[in-house]
């Protein structure tokens, strides 16, 4: 329709800009012109714009903190609740946990997409750092009536890894494999079997030794 054939442009975008919805946003005090062009009927005109009071802003910058990629900084108006950007950074063998005001995670934490209000002063910048946790899960080994000890095994997500060899023993029994249930009703895994993603990141799965009694 006719409305779709009208274009708008602002001469000095340091004074004002047009957002995706067609709203004119003042940036700082000053004057500029809005150029209107209708492809529908050829109408063309420059309209004067005066910004008499500039909004107050602060900036949020995003740091990959050991990761790769980029996340655009945000200019946020003071007094306006605004959602933080989604994480677009990546890091091999790690998963994104949250944003933090300190790279070691000891500052103020913010979840991805959280709404924030005035997290720094006007005309100031604050940096939010990506906080990463290893993309690993833990495999705990249970002797299930046997004797001995085995340390939990940490396994990276999305990496084929062999289970640790069984070191448990049980009198008059032989080890025949691992099971996710002590009564053998779960999933079976052979000794030193190569596995992939038995659990989600940071979770722990227990494998129980299954024994065959020797008569």
N, C-alpha and C. Protein backbone atom coordinates (compact mmCIF):
# COMPACT_ATOMS: atom_id res chain seq x y z
N UNK A 1 0.84 -1.19 0.00
CA UNK A 1 0.00 0.00 0.00
C UNK A 1 0.87 1.24 0.00
N UNK A 2 0.22 2.45 0.07
CA UNK A 2 0.96 3.69 -0.04
C UNK A 2 1.96 3.87 1.07
N UNK A 3 1.60 3.43 2.28
CA UNK A 3 2.49 3.64 3.43
C UNK A 3 3.81 2.91 3.27
N UNK A 4 3.79 1.80 2.55
CA UNK A 4 5.01 1.03 2.38
C UNK A 4 5.93 1.65 1.35
N UNK A 5 5.47 2.66 0.65
CA UNK A 5 6.28 3.32 -0.37
C UNK A 5 6.78 4.67 0.08
N UNK A 6 6.88 4.87 1.40
CA UNK A 6 7.39 6.11 1.96
C UNK A 6 8.67 5.81 2.72
N UNK A 7 9.72 6.56 2.45
CA UNK A 7 10.97 6.38 3.16
C UNK A 7 11.27 7.61 4.01
N UNK A 8 11.94 7.36 5.14
CA UNK A 8 12.31 8.43 6.05
C UNK A 8 13.81 8.33 6.33
N UNK A 9 14.46 9.46 6.41
CA UNK A 9 15.87 9.48 6.79
C UNK A 9 16.16 10.75 7.56
N UNK A 10 17.10 10.64 8.48
CA UNK A 10 17.47 11.79 9.31
C UNK A 10 18.88 12.23 8.94
N UNK A 11 19.05 13.52 8.76
CA UNK A 11 20.33 14.04 8.28
C UNK A 11 21.45 13.84 9.29
N UNK A 12 21.20 14.14 10.54
CA UNK A 12 22.24 14.03 11.57
C UNK A 12 21.79 13.03 12.62
N UNK A 13 22.29 11.78 12.53
CA UNK A 13 21.85 10.73 13.44
C UNK A 13 22.50 10.81 14.82
N UNK A 14 23.39 11.77 15.02
CA UNK A 14 23.90 11.99 16.37
C UNK A 14 22.88 12.76 17.21
N UNK A 15 21.95 13.43 16.54
CA UNK A 15 20.90 14.19 17.23
C UNK A 15 19.66 13.33 17.44
N UNK A 16 19.27 12.56 16.42
CA UNK A 16 18.08 11.72 16.50
C UNK A 16 18.22 10.56 15.53
N UNK A 17 17.42 9.53 15.76
CA UNK A 17 17.42 8.37 14.86
C UNK A 17 16.00 7.83 14.78
N UNK A 18 15.80 6.91 13.85
CA UNK A 18 14.50 6.26 13.68
C UNK A 18 14.65 4.79 14.02
N UNK A 19 13.81 4.30 14.95
CA UNK A 19 13.91 2.89 15.32
C UNK A 19 13.15 2.02 14.31
N UNK A 20 13.17 0.69 14.55
CA UNK A 20 12.57 -0.24 13.59
C UNK A 20 11.06 -0.08 13.44
N UNK A 21 10.43 0.57 14.44
CA UNK A 21 8.99 0.78 14.38
C UNK A 21 8.62 2.14 13.80
N UNK A 22 9.62 2.91 13.36
CA UNK A 22 9.36 4.21 12.77
C UNK A 22 9.28 5.36 13.76
N UNK A 23 9.64 5.09 15.02
CA UNK A 23 9.63 6.15 16.02
C UNK A 23 10.90 6.97 15.96
N UNK A 24 10.76 8.28 16.14
CA UNK A 24 11.93 9.16 16.16
C UNK A 24 12.45 9.23 17.59
N UNK A 25 13.72 8.88 17.77
CA UNK A 25 14.33 8.84 19.09
C UNK A 25 15.36 9.95 19.20
N UNK A 26 15.14 10.87 20.14
CA UNK A 26 16.12 11.92 20.37
C UNK A 26 17.35 11.39 21.09
N UNK A 27 18.52 11.85 20.67
CA UNK A 27 19.77 11.38 21.28
C UNK A 27 20.47 12.48 22.08
N UNK A 28 20.50 13.70 21.53
CA UNK A 28 21.12 14.80 22.24
C UNK A 28 20.51 16.12 21.75
N UNK A 29 20.67 17.15 22.54
CA UNK A 29 20.09 18.44 22.16
C UNK A 29 20.69 18.92 20.84
N UNK A 30 19.82 19.44 19.99
CA UNK A 30 20.29 19.94 18.71
C UNK A 30 19.18 19.94 17.68
N UNK A 31 19.53 20.28 16.45
CA UNK A 31 18.55 20.36 15.36
C UNK A 31 19.04 19.55 14.17
N UNK A 32 18.11 18.96 13.46
CA UNK A 32 18.42 18.23 12.24
C UNK A 32 17.16 18.22 11.39
N UNK A 33 17.17 17.49 10.31
CA UNK A 33 16.01 17.44 9.43
C UNK A 33 15.62 15.98 9.16
N UNK A 34 14.32 15.79 9.04
CA UNK A 34 13.76 14.50 8.65
C UNK A 34 13.38 14.60 7.18
N UNK A 35 13.97 13.74 6.37
CA UNK A 35 13.68 13.74 4.94
C UNK A 35 12.59 12.70 4.66
N UNK A 36 11.50 13.16 4.07
CA UNK A 36 10.37 12.29 3.74
C UNK A 36 10.27 12.18 2.22
N UNK A 37 10.22 10.95 1.73
CA UNK A 37 10.10 10.73 0.29
C UNK A 37 9.03 9.67 0.04
N UNK A 38 8.03 10.04 -0.78
CA UNK A 38 6.96 9.11 -1.13
C UNK A 38 7.18 8.61 -2.55
N UNK A 39 7.43 7.31 -2.66
CA UNK A 39 7.56 6.72 -3.99
C UNK A 39 6.19 6.52 -4.65
N UNK A 40 5.16 6.69 -3.84
CA UNK A 40 3.80 6.48 -4.32
C UNK A 40 3.34 7.62 -5.22
N UNK A 41 3.58 8.87 -4.75
CA UNK A 41 3.11 10.02 -5.54
C UNK A 41 4.20 11.07 -5.77
N UNK A 42 5.45 10.77 -5.38
CA UNK A 42 6.55 11.69 -5.63
C UNK A 42 6.71 12.79 -4.61
N UNK A 43 5.89 12.80 -3.57
CA UNK A 43 5.98 13.84 -2.53
C UNK A 43 7.33 13.74 -1.83
N UNK A 44 7.97 14.90 -1.62
CA UNK A 44 9.28 14.92 -0.96
C UNK A 44 9.40 16.20 -0.15
N UNK A 45 9.87 16.05 1.10
CA UNK A 45 9.96 17.23 1.95
C UNK A 45 10.96 17.00 3.08
N UNK A 46 11.62 18.08 3.50
CA UNK A 46 12.48 18.06 4.69
C UNK A 46 11.73 18.72 5.84
N UNK A 47 11.68 18.03 6.97
CA UNK A 47 10.99 18.54 8.14
C UNK A 47 12.02 18.80 9.23
N UNK A 48 12.01 20.02 9.78
CA UNK A 48 12.95 20.35 10.85
C UNK A 48 12.60 19.61 12.14
N UNK A 49 13.64 19.11 12.83
CA UNK A 49 13.47 18.43 14.11
C UNK A 49 14.36 19.13 15.13
N UNK A 50 13.78 19.50 16.25
CA UNK A 50 14.54 20.09 17.34
C UNK A 50 14.45 19.18 18.57
N UNK A 51 15.59 18.73 19.06
CA UNK A 51 15.64 17.95 20.29
C UNK A 51 15.99 18.92 21.41
N UNK A 52 15.01 19.20 22.26
CA UNK A 52 15.20 20.21 23.30
C UNK A 52 15.73 19.61 24.60
N UNK A 53 15.57 18.29 24.78
CA UNK A 53 16.09 17.65 25.98
C UNK A 53 16.54 16.24 25.61
N UNK A 54 17.82 16.00 25.72
CA UNK A 54 18.35 14.71 25.31
C UNK A 54 18.14 13.68 26.41
N UNK A 55 17.73 12.44 26.05
CA UNK A 55 17.59 11.38 27.05
C UNK A 55 18.95 11.07 27.68
N UNK A 56 18.91 10.51 28.87
CA UNK A 56 20.13 10.13 29.57
C UNK A 56 20.36 8.64 29.37
N UNK A 57 21.57 8.30 28.99
CA UNK A 57 21.89 6.91 28.68
C UNK A 57 23.11 6.44 29.46
N UNK A 58 23.22 5.12 29.59
CA UNK A 58 24.49 4.50 29.97
C UNK A 58 24.71 3.32 29.02
N UNK A 59 25.92 2.80 28.99
CA UNK A 59 26.24 1.73 28.05
C UNK A 59 26.61 0.44 28.77
N UNK A 60 26.22 -0.68 28.16
CA UNK A 60 26.65 -1.99 28.63
C UNK A 60 27.48 -2.63 27.52
N UNK A 61 28.71 -2.98 27.89
CA UNK A 61 29.59 -3.69 26.97
C UNK A 61 29.68 -5.15 27.41
N UNK A 62 29.88 -6.04 26.44
CA UNK A 62 29.93 -7.47 26.72
C UNK A 62 31.31 -8.02 26.36
N UNK A 63 31.87 -8.81 27.28
CA UNK A 63 33.21 -9.35 27.11
C UNK A 63 33.14 -10.88 27.05
N UNK A 64 33.80 -11.48 26.05
CA UNK A 64 33.75 -12.93 25.86
C UNK A 64 34.47 -13.68 26.98
N UNK A 65 35.40 -13.03 27.67
CA UNK A 65 36.07 -13.62 28.84
C UNK A 65 36.64 -15.01 28.55
N UNK A 66 37.43 -15.08 27.49
CA UNK A 66 38.03 -16.36 27.11
C UNK A 66 37.31 -17.06 25.98
N UNK A 67 36.14 -16.58 25.64
CA UNK A 67 35.38 -17.15 24.54
C UNK A 67 35.67 -16.44 23.24
N UNK A 68 34.87 -16.75 22.23
CA UNK A 68 35.03 -16.14 20.91
C UNK A 68 33.69 -15.62 20.42
N UNK A 69 33.74 -14.69 19.47
CA UNK A 69 32.52 -14.13 18.91
C UNK A 69 32.32 -12.70 19.36
N UNK A 70 31.15 -12.16 19.12
CA UNK A 70 30.88 -10.77 19.48
C UNK A 70 29.42 -10.61 19.90
N UNK A 71 29.22 -9.69 20.84
CA UNK A 71 27.88 -9.28 21.28
C UNK A 71 27.86 -7.76 21.27
N UNK A 72 26.91 -7.17 20.58
CA UNK A 72 26.85 -5.72 20.46
C UNK A 72 26.60 -5.07 21.81
N UNK A 73 27.24 -3.92 22.03
CA UNK A 73 26.99 -3.19 23.26
C UNK A 73 25.59 -2.57 23.20
N UNK A 74 25.08 -2.21 24.37
CA UNK A 74 23.76 -1.61 24.46
C UNK A 74 23.86 -0.20 25.03
N UNK A 75 23.10 0.71 24.43
CA UNK A 75 22.89 2.03 25.01
C UNK A 75 21.51 2.02 25.65
N UNK A 76 21.45 2.14 26.97
CA UNK A 76 20.20 1.98 27.71
C UNK A 76 19.81 3.30 28.36
N UNK A 77 18.56 3.66 28.19
CA UNK A 77 18.09 4.92 28.77
C UNK A 77 17.94 4.78 30.28
N UNK A 78 18.45 5.77 30.99
CA UNK A 78 18.33 5.79 32.44
C UNK A 78 16.85 5.77 32.84
N UNK A 79 16.53 4.92 33.82
CA UNK A 79 15.16 4.84 34.30
C UNK A 79 14.26 3.91 33.51
N UNK A 80 14.81 3.25 32.49
CA UNK A 80 14.01 2.36 31.66
C UNK A 80 14.50 0.92 31.87
N UNK A 81 13.61 0.03 32.26
CA UNK A 81 13.94 -1.38 32.44
C UNK A 81 14.16 -2.02 31.08
N UNK A 82 15.31 -2.67 30.90
CA UNK A 82 15.70 -3.20 29.59
C UNK A 82 16.30 -4.59 29.74
N UNK A 83 16.02 -5.47 28.79
CA UNK A 83 16.58 -6.81 28.81
C UNK A 83 18.02 -6.83 28.32
N UNK A 84 18.87 -7.58 29.02
CA UNK A 84 20.24 -7.77 28.57
C UNK A 84 20.25 -8.59 27.29
N UNK A 85 21.33 -8.47 26.55
CA UNK A 85 21.44 -9.21 25.31
C UNK A 85 21.61 -10.71 25.58
N UNK A 86 21.19 -11.50 24.61
CA UNK A 86 21.44 -12.94 24.67
C UNK A 86 22.91 -13.20 24.39
N UNK A 87 23.45 -14.26 24.98
CA UNK A 87 24.84 -14.60 24.73
C UNK A 87 25.03 -15.15 23.32
N UNK A 88 25.97 -14.59 22.58
CA UNK A 88 26.33 -15.09 21.26
C UNK A 88 27.78 -15.56 21.24
N UNK A 89 28.46 -15.49 22.38
CA UNK A 89 29.83 -15.98 22.47
C UNK A 89 29.83 -17.50 22.52
N UNK A 90 30.97 -18.09 22.22
CA UNK A 90 31.13 -19.54 22.35
C UNK A 90 32.53 -19.83 22.88
N UNK A 91 32.68 -20.98 23.51
CA UNK A 91 33.97 -21.39 24.04
C UNK A 91 34.03 -22.92 24.02
N UNK A 92 35.06 -23.45 23.40
CA UNK A 92 35.20 -24.89 23.29
C UNK A 92 35.23 -25.55 24.66
N UNK A 93 34.45 -26.60 24.81
CA UNK A 93 34.40 -27.43 26.03
C UNK A 93 33.83 -26.68 27.23
N UNK A 94 33.13 -25.59 26.99
CA UNK A 94 32.49 -24.84 28.08
C UNK A 94 31.07 -24.49 27.68
N UNK A 95 30.24 -24.24 28.69
CA UNK A 95 28.91 -23.74 28.43
C UNK A 95 28.73 -22.42 29.18
N UNK A 96 27.92 -21.54 28.59
CA UNK A 96 27.68 -20.23 29.19
C UNK A 96 26.78 -20.38 30.40
N UNK A 97 27.16 -19.73 31.50
CA UNK A 97 26.36 -19.78 32.73
C UNK A 97 25.56 -18.49 32.93
N UNK A 98 26.23 -17.33 32.86
CA UNK A 98 25.59 -16.06 33.19
C UNK A 98 26.52 -14.92 32.82
N UNK A 99 26.04 -13.69 33.02
CA UNK A 99 26.87 -12.48 32.93
C UNK A 99 27.29 -12.09 34.34
N UNK A 100 28.47 -11.47 34.46
CA UNK A 100 28.92 -10.99 35.76
C UNK A 100 29.73 -9.72 35.57
N UNK A 101 29.70 -8.86 36.57
CA UNK A 101 30.44 -7.60 36.47
C UNK A 101 31.94 -7.78 36.68
N UNK A 102 32.36 -8.99 37.06
CA UNK A 102 33.79 -9.28 37.20
C UNK A 102 34.12 -10.56 36.44
N UNK A 103 35.29 -10.60 35.80
CA UNK A 103 35.62 -11.76 34.98
C UNK A 103 35.77 -13.06 35.76
N UNK A 104 36.05 -12.95 37.07
CA UNK A 104 36.18 -14.17 37.87
C UNK A 104 34.87 -14.61 38.50
N UNK A 105 33.79 -13.91 38.18
CA UNK A 105 32.47 -14.30 38.66
C UNK A 105 32.13 -13.87 40.07
N UNK A 106 32.98 -13.03 40.67
CA UNK A 106 32.75 -12.62 42.07
C UNK A 106 31.95 -11.33 42.19
N UNK A 107 31.56 -10.76 41.05
CA UNK A 107 30.78 -9.52 41.09
C UNK A 107 29.29 -9.80 41.10
N UNK A 108 28.53 -8.89 40.55
CA UNK A 108 27.08 -9.05 40.47
C UNK A 108 26.72 -9.88 39.26
N UNK A 109 25.89 -10.90 39.46
CA UNK A 109 25.52 -11.81 38.39
C UNK A 109 24.19 -11.42 37.77
N UNK A 110 24.07 -11.66 36.46
CA UNK A 110 22.82 -11.43 35.74
C UNK A 110 22.60 -12.59 34.78
N UNK A 111 21.40 -13.12 34.76
CA UNK A 111 21.07 -14.18 33.82
C UNK A 111 20.94 -13.62 32.41
N UNK A 112 21.14 -14.47 31.44
CA UNK A 112 20.97 -14.09 30.05
C UNK A 112 19.54 -13.62 29.84
N UNK A 113 19.37 -12.43 29.25
CA UNK A 113 18.05 -11.89 28.97
C UNK A 113 17.35 -11.27 30.16
N UNK A 114 18.06 -11.16 31.31
CA UNK A 114 17.44 -10.57 32.50
C UNK A 114 17.13 -9.09 32.27
N UNK A 115 16.07 -8.60 32.90
CA UNK A 115 15.74 -7.18 32.83
C UNK A 115 16.53 -6.43 33.89
N UNK A 116 17.16 -5.34 33.47
CA UNK A 116 17.98 -4.55 34.39
C UNK A 116 17.51 -3.11 34.39
N UNK A 117 17.81 -2.41 35.47
CA UNK A 117 17.43 -1.01 35.61
C UNK A 117 18.57 -0.26 36.29
N UNK A 118 19.14 0.69 35.57
CA UNK A 118 20.17 1.58 36.14
C UNK A 118 21.30 0.82 36.83
N UNK A 119 21.96 -0.07 36.08
CA UNK A 119 23.03 -0.84 36.70
C UNK A 119 24.36 -0.09 36.71
N UNK A 120 24.37 1.10 36.14
CA UNK A 120 25.49 2.02 36.32
C UNK A 120 24.97 3.43 36.16
N UNK A 121 25.83 4.42 36.32
CA UNK A 121 25.41 5.82 36.27
C UNK A 121 25.29 6.31 34.83
N UNK A 122 24.53 7.40 34.66
CA UNK A 122 24.36 7.97 33.33
C UNK A 122 25.72 8.38 32.75
N UNK A 123 25.82 8.21 31.44
CA UNK A 123 27.02 8.54 30.69
C UNK A 123 28.23 7.67 31.06
N UNK A 124 27.98 6.59 31.81
CA UNK A 124 29.05 5.67 32.16
C UNK A 124 28.89 4.39 31.36
N UNK A 125 29.94 3.56 31.38
CA UNK A 125 29.89 2.25 30.74
C UNK A 125 30.16 1.18 31.79
N UNK A 126 29.50 0.06 31.65
CA UNK A 126 29.74 -1.09 32.50
C UNK A 126 29.98 -2.30 31.61
N UNK A 127 30.92 -3.14 31.99
CA UNK A 127 31.23 -4.34 31.22
C UNK A 127 30.69 -5.56 31.93
N UNK A 128 29.97 -6.39 31.18
CA UNK A 128 29.50 -7.66 31.70
C UNK A 128 30.30 -8.78 31.03
N UNK A 129 30.84 -9.65 31.87
CA UNK A 129 31.72 -10.72 31.39
C UNK A 129 30.94 -12.05 31.31
N UNK A 130 31.18 -12.78 30.24
CA UNK A 130 30.60 -14.12 30.13
C UNK A 130 31.27 -15.03 31.16
N UNK A 131 30.46 -15.74 31.93
CA UNK A 131 30.98 -16.70 32.89
C UNK A 131 30.73 -18.10 32.33
N UNK A 132 31.79 -18.89 32.31
CA UNK A 132 31.75 -20.21 31.68
C UNK A 132 31.94 -21.31 32.73
N UNK A 133 31.30 -22.44 32.51
CA UNK A 133 31.56 -23.62 33.33
C UNK A 133 31.91 -24.77 32.39
N UNK A 134 32.81 -25.65 32.82
CA UNK A 134 33.21 -26.76 31.95
C UNK A 134 32.00 -27.60 31.54
N UNK A 135 31.96 -27.96 30.29
CA UNK A 135 30.85 -28.77 29.78
C UNK A 135 31.13 -30.24 30.08
N UNK A 136 31.06 -30.59 31.35
CA UNK A 136 31.36 -31.95 31.76
C UNK A 136 30.22 -32.51 32.62
N UNK A 137 30.15 -33.81 32.66
CA UNK A 137 29.27 -34.49 33.61
C UNK A 137 30.11 -35.51 34.37
N UNK A 138 29.58 -36.00 35.46
CA UNK A 138 30.32 -36.92 36.31
C UNK A 138 29.71 -38.32 36.27
N UNK A 139 30.57 -39.30 36.21
CA UNK A 139 30.13 -40.69 36.30
C UNK A 139 30.64 -41.25 37.62
N UNK A 140 29.71 -41.65 38.46
CA UNK A 140 30.04 -42.23 39.76
C UNK A 140 29.88 -43.75 39.67
N UNK A 141 30.85 -44.48 40.22
CA UNK A 141 30.85 -45.93 40.15
C UNK A 141 30.50 -46.50 41.52
N UNK A 142 29.53 -47.43 41.54
CA UNK A 142 29.06 -48.03 42.78
C UNK A 142 29.39 -49.53 42.77
N UNK A 143 30.03 -50.05 43.83
CA UNK A 143 30.41 -51.47 43.83
C UNK A 143 29.22 -52.42 43.90
N UNK A 144 28.08 -51.93 44.37
CA UNK A 144 26.85 -52.71 44.35
C UNK A 144 27.04 -54.08 45.00
N UNK A 145 27.56 -54.07 46.21
CA UNK A 145 27.79 -55.32 46.93
C UNK A 145 29.22 -55.80 46.86
N UNK A 146 30.01 -55.16 46.02
CA UNK A 146 31.42 -55.52 45.92
C UNK A 146 32.27 -54.69 46.87
N UNK A 147 33.57 -54.81 46.75
CA UNK A 147 34.50 -54.06 47.58
C UNK A 147 35.48 -53.28 46.71
N UNK A 148 36.12 -52.28 47.33
CA UNK A 148 37.08 -51.44 46.63
C UNK A 148 36.55 -50.04 46.42
N UNK A 149 37.37 -49.21 45.81
CA UNK A 149 36.98 -47.82 45.55
C UNK A 149 37.34 -47.44 44.13
N UNK A 150 36.52 -46.59 43.56
CA UNK A 150 36.80 -45.99 42.25
C UNK A 150 36.42 -44.52 42.31
N UNK A 151 37.32 -43.66 41.87
CA UNK A 151 37.04 -42.23 41.84
C UNK A 151 36.03 -41.91 40.74
N UNK A 152 35.17 -40.90 40.95
CA UNK A 152 34.25 -40.48 39.88
C UNK A 152 35.04 -40.06 38.64
N UNK A 153 34.45 -40.25 37.51
CA UNK A 153 35.08 -39.90 36.24
C UNK A 153 34.38 -38.69 35.64
N UNK A 154 35.16 -37.68 35.26
CA UNK A 154 34.60 -36.50 34.60
C UNK A 154 34.73 -36.66 33.10
N UNK A 155 33.62 -36.45 32.39
CA UNK A 155 33.59 -36.66 30.94
C UNK A 155 33.03 -35.41 30.26
N UNK A 156 33.68 -34.98 29.20
CA UNK A 156 33.22 -33.82 28.47
C UNK A 156 31.99 -34.15 27.61
N UNK A 157 31.07 -33.20 27.57
CA UNK A 157 29.90 -33.31 26.71
C UNK A 157 30.35 -33.38 25.25
N UNK A 158 29.66 -34.19 24.47
CA UNK A 158 29.88 -34.32 23.02
C UNK A 158 31.23 -34.92 22.66
N UNK A 159 31.85 -35.64 23.60
CA UNK A 159 33.12 -36.31 23.29
C UNK A 159 33.02 -37.79 23.67
N UNK A 160 33.26 -38.66 22.69
CA UNK A 160 33.28 -40.08 22.97
C UNK A 160 34.42 -40.40 23.91
N UNK A 161 34.12 -41.06 25.01
CA UNK A 161 35.11 -41.32 26.06
C UNK A 161 34.90 -42.73 26.61
N UNK A 162 36.01 -43.44 26.86
CA UNK A 162 35.92 -44.78 27.43
C UNK A 162 35.73 -44.69 28.94
N UNK A 163 34.82 -45.49 29.45
CA UNK A 163 34.64 -45.56 30.90
C UNK A 163 35.90 -46.12 31.54
N UNK A 164 36.14 -45.69 32.77
CA UNK A 164 37.27 -46.25 33.50
C UNK A 164 37.08 -47.75 33.72
N UNK A 165 38.20 -48.46 33.72
CA UNK A 165 38.14 -49.90 33.92
C UNK A 165 37.69 -50.23 35.35
N UNK A 166 36.91 -51.26 35.49
CA UNK A 166 36.43 -51.68 36.81
C UNK A 166 37.59 -52.18 37.67
N UNK A 167 37.61 -51.71 38.92
CA UNK A 167 38.60 -52.21 39.89
C UNK A 167 37.92 -52.81 41.12
N UNK A 168 36.58 -52.85 41.13
CA UNK A 168 35.88 -53.46 42.25
C UNK A 168 36.04 -54.99 42.18
N UNK A 169 35.84 -55.60 43.34
CA UNK A 169 35.87 -57.06 43.42
C UNK A 169 34.72 -57.54 44.28
N UNK A 170 34.30 -58.76 44.03
CA UNK A 170 33.27 -59.37 44.88
C UNK A 170 33.57 -60.86 45.00
N UNK A 171 33.58 -61.32 46.23
CA UNK A 171 33.94 -62.71 46.50
C UNK A 171 32.99 -63.66 45.77
N UNK A 172 33.61 -64.66 45.13
CA UNK A 172 32.88 -65.71 44.40
C UNK A 172 31.98 -65.14 43.30
N UNK A 173 32.39 -64.01 42.74
CA UNK A 173 31.61 -63.38 41.66
C UNK A 173 32.54 -62.81 40.61
N UNK A 174 32.03 -62.70 39.41
CA UNK A 174 32.78 -62.02 38.35
C UNK A 174 31.98 -60.82 37.88
N UNK A 175 32.70 -59.77 37.53
CA UNK A 175 32.09 -58.54 37.05
C UNK A 175 31.65 -58.75 35.60
N UNK A 176 30.39 -58.42 35.30
CA UNK A 176 29.90 -58.61 33.93
C UNK A 176 29.52 -57.31 33.23
N UNK A 177 29.55 -56.19 33.95
CA UNK A 177 29.26 -54.92 33.30
C UNK A 177 28.67 -53.90 34.25
N UNK A 178 28.34 -52.73 33.69
CA UNK A 178 27.74 -51.64 34.46
C UNK A 178 26.27 -51.51 34.08
N UNK A 179 25.47 -51.05 35.04
CA UNK A 179 24.06 -50.77 34.76
C UNK A 179 23.65 -49.51 35.51
N UNK A 180 22.71 -48.78 34.94
CA UNK A 180 22.25 -47.55 35.59
C UNK A 180 21.32 -47.83 36.76
N UNK A 181 20.94 -49.10 36.95
CA UNK A 181 20.12 -49.49 38.10
C UNK A 181 20.79 -50.66 38.81
N UNK A 182 20.78 -50.67 40.14
CA UNK A 182 21.44 -51.76 40.87
C UNK A 182 20.79 -53.12 40.64
N UNK A 183 19.53 -53.14 40.20
CA UNK A 183 18.84 -54.41 39.98
C UNK A 183 18.92 -54.86 38.51
N UNK A 184 19.78 -54.18 37.74
CA UNK A 184 20.03 -54.54 36.33
C UNK A 184 18.90 -54.13 35.40
N UNK A 185 17.94 -53.35 35.86
CA UNK A 185 16.78 -53.00 35.03
C UNK A 185 17.00 -51.75 34.18
N UNK A 186 18.19 -51.15 34.31
CA UNK A 186 18.47 -49.92 33.55
C UNK A 186 19.27 -50.20 32.29
N UNK A 187 20.05 -49.22 31.88
CA UNK A 187 20.87 -49.33 30.67
C UNK A 187 22.20 -50.01 31.00
N UNK A 188 22.64 -50.86 30.08
CA UNK A 188 23.88 -51.62 30.26
C UNK A 188 25.06 -50.95 29.56
N UNK A 189 26.24 -51.07 30.19
CA UNK A 189 27.48 -50.61 29.59
C UNK A 189 28.57 -51.62 29.92
N UNK A 190 29.37 -51.94 28.92
CA UNK A 190 30.48 -52.86 29.14
C UNK A 190 31.61 -52.16 29.88
N UNK A 191 32.50 -52.96 30.44
CA UNK A 191 33.70 -52.41 31.05
C UNK A 191 34.52 -51.67 30.00
N UNK A 192 34.90 -50.42 30.30
CA UNK A 192 35.69 -49.56 29.40
C UNK A 192 34.97 -49.25 28.08
N UNK A 193 33.65 -49.36 28.08
CA UNK A 193 32.90 -49.02 26.87
C UNK A 193 33.02 -47.54 26.56
N UNK A 194 33.07 -47.20 25.27
CA UNK A 194 33.10 -45.81 24.84
C UNK A 194 31.68 -45.25 24.89
N UNK A 195 31.50 -44.15 25.60
CA UNK A 195 30.16 -43.60 25.81
C UNK A 195 30.11 -42.15 25.34
N UNK A 196 28.89 -41.67 25.16
CA UNK A 196 28.68 -40.28 24.72
C UNK A 196 27.45 -39.72 25.43
N UNK A 197 27.68 -38.64 26.16
CA UNK A 197 26.58 -37.87 26.77
C UNK A 197 25.61 -38.73 27.59
N UNK A 198 26.16 -39.37 28.61
CA UNK A 198 25.31 -40.16 29.51
C UNK A 198 24.46 -39.26 30.41
N UNK A 199 24.87 -38.01 30.58
CA UNK A 199 24.13 -37.07 31.42
C UNK A 199 24.30 -35.66 30.87
N UNK A 200 23.56 -34.74 31.45
CA UNK A 200 23.66 -33.34 31.04
C UNK A 200 24.84 -32.66 31.75
N UNK A 201 25.28 -31.51 31.24
CA UNK A 201 26.40 -30.81 31.90
C UNK A 201 26.14 -30.58 33.38
N UNK A 202 27.16 -30.82 34.18
CA UNK A 202 27.21 -30.65 35.64
C UNK A 202 26.44 -31.74 36.39
N UNK A 203 25.70 -32.61 35.70
CA UNK A 203 24.96 -33.66 36.37
C UNK A 203 25.86 -34.85 36.69
N UNK A 204 25.37 -35.74 37.54
CA UNK A 204 26.08 -36.96 37.91
C UNK A 204 25.21 -38.16 37.62
N UNK A 205 25.79 -39.17 36.98
CA UNK A 205 25.11 -40.43 36.74
C UNK A 205 25.86 -41.52 37.49
N UNK A 206 25.12 -42.43 38.11
CA UNK A 206 25.75 -43.53 38.84
C UNK A 206 25.64 -44.82 38.04
N UNK A 207 26.77 -45.51 37.89
CA UNK A 207 26.79 -46.82 37.25
C UNK A 207 27.09 -47.87 38.32
N UNK A 208 26.27 -48.89 38.34
CA UNK A 208 26.38 -49.93 39.36
C UNK A 208 27.06 -51.16 38.77
N UNK A 209 28.02 -51.70 39.51
CA UNK A 209 28.66 -52.94 39.10
C UNK A 209 27.66 -54.09 39.17
N UNK A 210 27.64 -54.89 38.13
CA UNK A 210 26.73 -56.04 38.10
C UNK A 210 27.60 -57.31 38.14
N UNK A 211 27.21 -58.20 39.01
CA UNK A 211 28.04 -59.38 39.30
C UNK A 211 27.30 -60.66 38.92
N UNK A 212 28.10 -61.62 38.49
CA UNK A 212 27.58 -62.96 38.20
C UNK A 212 28.25 -63.92 39.20
N UNK A 213 27.45 -64.52 40.02
CA UNK A 213 28.01 -65.37 41.08
C UNK A 213 28.57 -66.67 40.47
N UNK A 214 29.74 -67.04 41.00
CA UNK A 214 30.38 -68.28 40.58
C UNK A 214 30.00 -69.38 41.57
N UNK A 215 29.37 -70.43 41.08
CA UNK A 215 28.96 -71.51 41.97
C UNK A 215 30.03 -72.59 42.01
